[in-house]
Amino acid sequence: MVTALQKGLPDLTSRQFTLLLHVYLKDQAHTVRGLAEELNMSKPAVTRALDRLGKYDFVRRKTDENDRRSILVQRTIKGSVYLREFGDMVEEFAEEV
C-alpha cells in the first residue's frame, strides 16, 4: 500500500505479512516446521520470510530448550505496533472510500 510506504512502514511481501499475521493471531507456540505445515509453505520459504521479519524486529527466533532441533518463533512489541498501525491505516482508507 502506498500509504504504508508514505508513513515509513516496511514494505512486506504477501508471504511475510501472512506469516506475521498468523504468528500474532494464533496464540500458541510457533515453530518453523509448524508454520510451514499450517501455511502450506516450504521450510526454506518460512525461514527467508522470518529472516526479513527478524531484521525489522517483528518476530524473534529462539531455540526450544526442550528440543534443541526446534526453533520457536516469538512475537515482539515492534511487530504488534506495526500490525496496529497497519490496521489503523486500513480503517482510515475504508472511511475515505
C-alpha atoms as a PDB file:
ATOM      1  CA  MET A   1       0.000   0.000   0.000  1.00  0.00           C
ATOM      2  CA  VAL A   2       1.309   3.401  -0.940  1.00  0.00           C
ATOM      3  CA  THR A   3       0.078   4.863   2.349  1.00  0.00           C
ATOM      4  CA  ALA A   4       2.161   2.356   4.315  1.00  0.00           C
ATOM      5  CA  LEU A   5       5.281   3.435   2.474  1.00  0.00           C
ATOM      6  CA  GLN A   6       4.431   7.097   2.954  1.00  0.00           C
ATOM      7  CA  LYS A   7       4.146   6.509   6.699  1.00  0.00           C
ATOM      8  CA  GLY A   8       7.549   4.836   6.691  1.00  0.00           C
ATOM      9  CA  LEU A   9       6.232   1.339   7.442  1.00  0.00           C
ATOM     10  CA  PRO A  10       8.248  -1.550   5.989  1.00  0.00           C
ATOM     11  CA  ASP A  11       7.000  -2.920   2.676  1.00  0.00           C
ATOM     12  CA  LEU A  12       6.285  -6.592   3.389  1.00  0.00           C
ATOM     13  CA  THR A  13       5.532  -9.215   0.768  1.00  0.00           C
ATOM     14  CA  SER A  14       2.207 -11.010   0.992  1.00  0.00           C
ATOM     15  CA  ARG A  15       4.025 -14.107   2.279  1.00  0.00           C
ATOM     16  CA  GLN A  16       5.794 -12.130   5.020  1.00  0.00           C
ATOM     17  CA  PHE A  17       2.572 -10.372   6.007  1.00  0.00           C
ATOM     18  CA  THR A  18       0.634 -13.670   6.107  1.00  0.00           C
ATOM     19  CA  LEU A  19       3.297 -15.219   8.301  1.00  0.00           C
ATOM     20  CA  LEU A  20       3.336 -12.205  10.624  1.00  0.00           C
ATOM     21  CA  LEU A  21      -0.457 -12.214  10.967  1.00  0.00           C
ATOM     22  CA  HIS A  22      -0.500 -15.947  11.634  1.00  0.00           C
ATOM     23  CA  VAL A  23       2.065 -15.635  14.421  1.00  0.00           C
ATOM     24  CA  TYR A  24       0.169 -12.776  16.070  1.00  0.00           C
ATOM     25  CA  LEU A  25      -3.395 -14.053  15.635  1.00  0.00           C
ATOM     26  CA  LYS A  26      -2.818 -17.637  16.788  1.00  0.00           C
ATOM     27  CA  ASP A  27      -1.889 -17.597  20.460  1.00  0.00           C
ATOM     28  CA  GLN A  28       0.314 -20.665  20.593  1.00  0.00           C
ATOM     29  CA  ALA A  29       3.946 -21.673  20.367  1.00  0.00           C
ATOM     30  CA  HIS A  30       5.111 -21.484  16.755  1.00  0.00           C
ATOM     31  CA  THR A  31       7.917 -23.447  15.153  1.00  0.00           C
ATOM     32  CA  VAL A  32       9.370 -23.099  11.675  1.00  0.00           C
ATOM     33  CA  ARG A  33       8.191 -26.614  10.852  1.00  0.00           C
ATOM     34  CA  GLY A  34       4.706 -25.945  12.226  1.00  0.00           C
ATOM     35  CA  LEU A  35       4.346 -22.660  10.340  1.00  0.00           C
ATOM     36  CA  ALA A  36       5.452 -24.346   7.117  1.00  0.00           C
ATOM     37  CA  GLU A  37       2.809 -27.049   7.549  1.00  0.00           C
ATOM     38  CA  GLU A  38      -0.001 -24.707   8.641  1.00  0.00           C
ATOM     39  CA  LEU A  39       0.608 -22.196   5.856  1.00  0.00           C
ATOM     40  CA  ASN A  40       1.476 -24.774   3.185  1.00  0.00           C
ATOM     41  CA  MET A  41       4.905 -23.247   2.616  1.00  0.00           C
ATOM     42  CA  SER A  42       8.323 -24.834   2.379  1.00  0.00           C
ATOM     43  CA  LYS A  43      10.603 -24.547   5.405  1.00  0.00           C
ATOM     44  CA  PRO A  44      13.163 -22.531   3.395  1.00  0.00           C
ATOM     45  CA  ALA A  45      10.416 -20.063   2.364  1.00  0.00           C
ATOM     46  CA  VAL A  46       9.347 -19.683   6.003  1.00  0.00           C
ATOM     47  CA  THR A  47      12.975 -19.181   7.027  1.00  0.00           C
ATOM     48  CA  ARG A  48      13.504 -16.457   4.388  1.00  0.00           C
ATOM     49  CA  ALA A  49      10.322 -14.651   5.478  1.00  0.00           C
ATOM     50  CA  LEU A  50      11.338 -14.921   9.139  1.00  0.00           C
ATOM     51  CA  ASP A  51      14.797 -13.570   8.280  1.00  0.00           C
ATOM     52  CA  ARG A  52      13.204 -10.422   6.846  1.00  0.00           C
ATOM     53  CA  LEU A  53      10.677 -10.095   9.689  1.00  0.00           C
ATOM     54  CA  GLY A  54      13.528 -10.555  12.155  1.00  0.00           C
ATOM     55  CA  LYS A  55      15.506  -7.732  10.518  1.00  0.00           C
ATOM     56  CA  TYR A  56      12.523  -5.465  11.191  1.00  0.00           C
ATOM     57  CA  ASP A  57      12.334  -6.899  14.754  1.00  0.00           C
ATOM     58  CA  PHE A  58       8.722  -8.011  14.132  1.00  0.00           C
ATOM     59  CA  VAL A  59       9.459 -11.568  15.314  1.00  0.00           C
ATOM     60  CA  ARG A  60      12.240 -13.253  17.221  1.00  0.00           C
ATOM     61  CA  ARG A  61      13.552 -16.810  16.890  1.00  0.00           C
ATOM     62  CA  LYS A  62      14.742 -18.811  19.847  1.00  0.00           C
ATOM     63  CA  THR A  63      15.953 -22.382  20.251  1.00  0.00           C
ATOM     64  CA  ASP A  64      13.454 -24.559  22.115  1.00  0.00           C
ATOM     65  CA  GLU A  65      15.084 -25.530  25.412  1.00  0.00           C
ATOM     66  CA  ASN A  66      13.234 -28.874  25.424  1.00  0.00           C
ATOM     67  CA  ASP A  67      14.210 -29.774  21.851  1.00  0.00           C
ATOM     68  CA  ARG A  68      17.323 -28.017  20.580  1.00  0.00           C
ATOM     69  CA  ARG A  69      16.482 -29.018  16.979  1.00  0.00           C
ATOM     70  CA  SER A  70      13.317 -26.942  17.110  1.00  0.00           C
ATOM     71  CA  ILE A  71      13.242 -23.164  16.597  1.00  0.00           C
ATOM     72  CA  LEU A  72      10.463 -21.207  18.294  1.00  0.00           C
ATOM     73  CA  VAL A  73       9.083 -18.061  16.677  1.00  0.00           C
ATOM     74  CA  GLN A  74       8.105 -15.360  19.156  1.00  0.00           C
ATOM     75  CA  ARG A  75       6.179 -12.103  18.883  1.00  0.00           C
ATOM     76  CA  THR A  76       7.759  -8.735  19.595  1.00  0.00           C
ATOM     77  CA  ILE A  77       6.319  -5.420  20.704  1.00  0.00           C
ATOM     78  CA  LYS A  78       7.531  -3.791  17.490  1.00  0.00           C
ATOM     79  CA  GLY A  79       5.580  -6.347  15.449  1.00  0.00           C
ATOM     80  CA  SER A  80       2.435  -5.660  17.486  1.00  0.00           C
ATOM     81  CA  VAL A  81       2.829  -1.917  16.921  1.00  0.00           C
ATOM     82  CA  TYR A  82       3.302  -2.456  13.168  1.00  0.00           C
ATOM     83  CA  LEU A  83       0.120  -4.514  12.891  1.00  0.00           C
ATOM     84  CA  ARG A  84      -1.839  -1.979  14.945  1.00  0.00           C
ATOM     85  CA  GLU A  85      -0.617   0.888  12.751  1.00  0.00           C
ATOM     86  CA  PHE A  86      -1.380  -1.100   9.612  1.00  0.00           C
ATOM     87  CA  GLY A  87      -4.895  -1.851  10.893  1.00  0.00           C
ATOM     88  CA  ASP A  88      -5.453   1.838  11.642  1.00  0.00           C
ATOM     89  CA  MET A  89      -4.330   2.676   8.126  1.00  0.00           C
ATOM     90  CA  VAL A  90      -6.787   0.182   6.626  1.00  0.00           C
ATOM     91  CA  GLU A  91      -9.617   1.693   8.691  1.00  0.00           C
ATOM     92  CA  GLU A  92      -8.692   5.212   7.533  1.00  0.00           C
ATOM     93  CA  PHE A  93      -8.645   4.039   3.932  1.00  0.00           C
ATOM     94  CA  ALA A  94     -12.044   2.327   4.312  1.00  0.00           C
ATOM     95  CA  GLU A  95     -13.557   5.524   5.705  1.00  0.00           C
ATOM     96  CA  GLU A  96     -12.268   7.519   2.724  1.00  0.00           C
ATOM     97  CA  VAL A  97     -13.867   5.131   0.239  1.00  0.00           C
END
